[in-house]
Amino acid sequence: MTIWIASTNRENWEVIKKNNIWGVPKRNKNSIERSEPKDKILIFVRQENAGDTILPSAITAAFDIASKPFEEKTEIFKKPPTMSGEEVFPYRVKLKPVKIFKEELDFKSLIPNLEFITNKKQWTGHLRTAMRTIPEEDYEYIMKAAETPRG
């Protein structure tokens, strides 16, 4: 079993949550093709501006991958404004929810304890690709943090 972290924006997070599906652009086909049913995947949403408010980077949910990768060109995902060309995120896997976090888990507070973030100051570089593998210890730490009351 492999554990993945998927990097997306909030608009596409809503698509993921509604449809139980994850998709990547053509350039990330090799990554998604390495995924298997029963793998686990965490959803990471990047920091975004919403008017005068900054929405921080966060982990929003954990899923099991529930299908082999497949190609589908139906336009359900929204192309981020920073991405050039036409893109429908055609390489996809079906997902089965494990836990949709009631409160987003602030990512910056997790960084000191995550093994896959080797450069704690320049951590965004570790999440530039659509999906990447992470150690099981990081997954367990994130899942435990999601269960801990915050505030």
Protein backbone atom coordinates (compact mmCIF):
# COMPACT_ATOMS: atom_id res chain seq x y z
CA MET A 1 0.00 0.00 0.00
CA THR A 2 1.25 3.46 -0.94
CA ILE A 3 0.21 6.70 0.73
CA TRP A 4 -0.18 9.80 -1.42
CA ILE A 5 -0.76 13.47 -0.84
CA ALA A 6 -2.71 15.27 -3.56
CA SER A 7 -2.26 19.00 -4.08
CA THR A 8 -5.24 21.02 -5.31
CA ASN A 9 -7.15 24.28 -4.90
CA ARG A 10 -10.38 24.80 -2.95
CA GLU A 11 -12.58 24.89 -6.04
CA ASN A 12 -11.38 21.45 -7.16
CA TRP A 13 -11.55 20.17 -3.56
CA GLU A 14 -15.31 20.70 -3.81
CA VAL A 15 -15.33 18.63 -7.03
CA ILE A 16 -13.34 15.85 -5.32
CA LYS A 17 -15.67 15.83 -2.31
CA LYS A 18 -18.86 15.85 -4.41
CA ASN A 19 -17.77 13.21 -6.95
CA ASN A 20 -15.33 11.04 -4.97
CA ILE A 21 -12.82 11.34 -7.79
CA TRP A 22 -9.24 12.63 -8.13
CA GLY A 23 -7.78 13.80 -11.43
CA VAL A 24 -4.39 15.01 -12.58
CA PRO A 25 -3.15 16.89 -15.64
CA LYS A 26 -1.42 15.10 -18.51
CA ARG A 27 2.02 15.97 -17.16
CA ASN A 28 1.28 13.96 -13.96
CA LYS A 29 0.06 10.82 -15.74
CA ASN A 30 3.07 8.77 -14.55
CA SER A 31 2.35 9.56 -10.89
CA ILE A 32 -1.30 8.56 -10.94
CA GLU A 33 -0.50 5.42 -12.95
CA ARG A 34 1.64 4.23 -10.01
CA SER A 35 -1.40 4.35 -7.71
CA GLU A 36 -3.40 1.22 -6.88
CA PRO A 37 -6.78 0.47 -5.35
CA LYS A 38 -6.45 0.39 -1.53
CA ASP A 39 -3.71 3.07 -1.58
CA LYS A 40 -4.47 6.01 0.70
CA ILE A 41 -4.57 9.64 -0.38
CA LEU A 42 -4.70 12.87 1.62
CA ILE A 43 -6.09 16.05 0.06
CA PHE A 44 -3.93 19.16 0.48
CA VAL A 45 -5.41 22.53 -0.53
CA ARG A 46 -3.03 25.37 -1.31
CA GLN A 47 -3.19 28.79 0.34
CA GLU A 48 -5.61 31.08 -1.49
CA ASN A 49 -6.87 34.62 -1.27
CA ALA A 50 -10.62 35.05 -0.81
CA GLY A 51 -11.13 38.79 -1.04
CA ASP A 52 -9.37 40.29 1.98
CA THR A 53 -9.01 36.90 3.67
CA ILE A 54 -6.10 34.50 3.24
CA LEU A 55 -7.25 30.89 3.43
CA PRO A 56 -4.24 28.91 4.70
CA SER A 57 -2.79 25.73 3.23
CA ALA A 58 -4.59 22.78 4.80
CA ILE A 59 -5.32 19.06 4.74
CA THR A 60 -9.05 18.57 4.21
CA ALA A 61 -9.64 14.81 3.98
CA ALA A 62 -8.36 11.27 3.68
CA PHE A 63 -9.59 8.80 1.05
CA ASP A 64 -8.84 5.29 -0.13
CA ILE A 65 -8.18 4.94 -3.84
CA ALA A 66 -11.06 2.77 -5.06
CA SER A 67 -10.17 2.13 -8.72
CA LYS A 68 -7.31 1.63 -11.08
CA PRO A 69 -6.33 4.83 -12.93
CA PHE A 70 -8.45 5.59 -16.00
CA GLU A 71 -8.74 8.31 -18.62
CA GLU A 72 -11.88 10.47 -18.73
CA LYS A 73 -12.25 13.76 -20.57
CA THR A 74 -15.51 14.99 -19.00
CA GLU A 75 -14.90 18.52 -17.72
CA ILE A 76 -15.58 18.40 -13.99
CA PHE A 77 -12.37 19.95 -12.65
CA LYS A 78 -11.64 23.66 -12.99
CA LYS A 79 -8.30 24.66 -14.46
CA PRO A 80 -6.47 27.01 -12.08
CA PRO A 81 -5.85 30.48 -13.57
CA THR A 82 -2.09 29.93 -13.22
CA MET A 83 -2.16 26.85 -15.50
CA SER A 84 -1.66 27.47 -19.22
CA GLY A 85 -3.31 25.67 -22.11
CA GLU A 86 -6.39 23.49 -22.05
CA GLU A 87 -6.57 20.97 -19.26
CA VAL A 88 -9.36 18.71 -18.02
CA PHE A 89 -7.31 16.59 -15.58
CA PRO A 90 -8.08 13.48 -17.65
CA TYR A 91 -6.15 10.88 -15.63
CA ARG A 92 -8.33 9.90 -12.70
CA VAL A 93 -9.04 7.46 -9.91
CA LYS A 94 -12.24 6.88 -7.97
CA LEU A 95 -12.07 7.57 -4.25
CA LYS A 96 -13.74 6.17 -1.16
CA PRO A 97 -13.94 8.62 1.78
CA VAL A 98 -12.10 7.59 4.93
CA LYS A 99 -12.52 10.89 6.76
CA ILE A 100 -13.66 14.33 5.64
CA PHE A 101 -12.22 16.62 8.31
CA LYS A 102 -14.82 18.75 10.11
CA GLU A 103 -12.20 21.49 10.36
CA GLU A 104 -9.42 21.88 7.83
CA LEU A 105 -6.08 20.91 9.34
CA ASP A 106 -3.69 23.88 9.13
CA PHE A 107 -0.72 22.54 7.19
CA LYS A 108 1.96 24.91 8.51
CA SER A 109 1.42 23.62 12.06
CA LEU A 110 2.14 20.05 10.86
CA ILE A 111 5.42 20.80 9.04
CA PRO A 112 7.85 20.37 11.99
CA ASN A 113 6.66 16.78 12.44
CA LEU A 114 6.42 15.64 8.80
CA GLU A 115 9.28 13.51 7.48
CA PHE A 116 8.53 14.15 3.79
CA ILE A 117 9.06 17.90 4.31
CA THR A 118 12.84 17.83 4.42
CA ASN A 119 13.25 21.59 3.91
CA LYS A 120 11.05 23.10 6.63
CA LYS A 121 11.62 26.69 5.42
CA GLN A 122 10.98 26.07 1.70
CA TRP A 123 8.25 23.48 2.28
CA THR A 124 6.00 24.47 -0.64
CA GLY A 125 8.46 22.85 -3.06
CA HIS A 126 7.49 19.46 -1.62
CA LEU A 127 3.89 20.00 -2.79
CA ARG A 128 4.33 21.48 -6.27
CA THR A 129 3.36 18.30 -8.09
CA ALA A 130 -0.24 17.08 -8.30
CA MET A 131 0.50 14.04 -6.16
CA ARG A 132 3.44 12.47 -4.38
CA THR A 133 4.08 9.68 -1.92
CA ILE A 134 4.55 10.25 1.78
CA PRO A 135 5.70 7.94 4.59
CA GLU A 136 3.13 6.01 6.61
CA GLU A 137 4.32 7.82 9.76
CA ASP A 138 3.31 11.16 8.23
CA TYR A 139 -0.12 9.79 7.33
CA GLU A 140 -0.62 8.47 10.88
CA TYR A 141 0.51 11.79 12.36
CA ILE A 142 -1.91 13.78 10.16
CA MET A 143 -4.83 11.45 10.93
CA LYS A 144 -4.13 11.70 14.66
CA ALA A 145 -3.87 15.51 14.43
CA ALA A 146 -7.28 15.58 12.67
CA GLU A 147 -8.83 13.78 15.64
CA THR A 148 -7.33 16.15 18.23
CA PRO A 149 -9.66 19.01 19.20
CA ARG A 150 -8.25 22.39 18.11
CA GLY A 151 -8.85 25.89 19.29
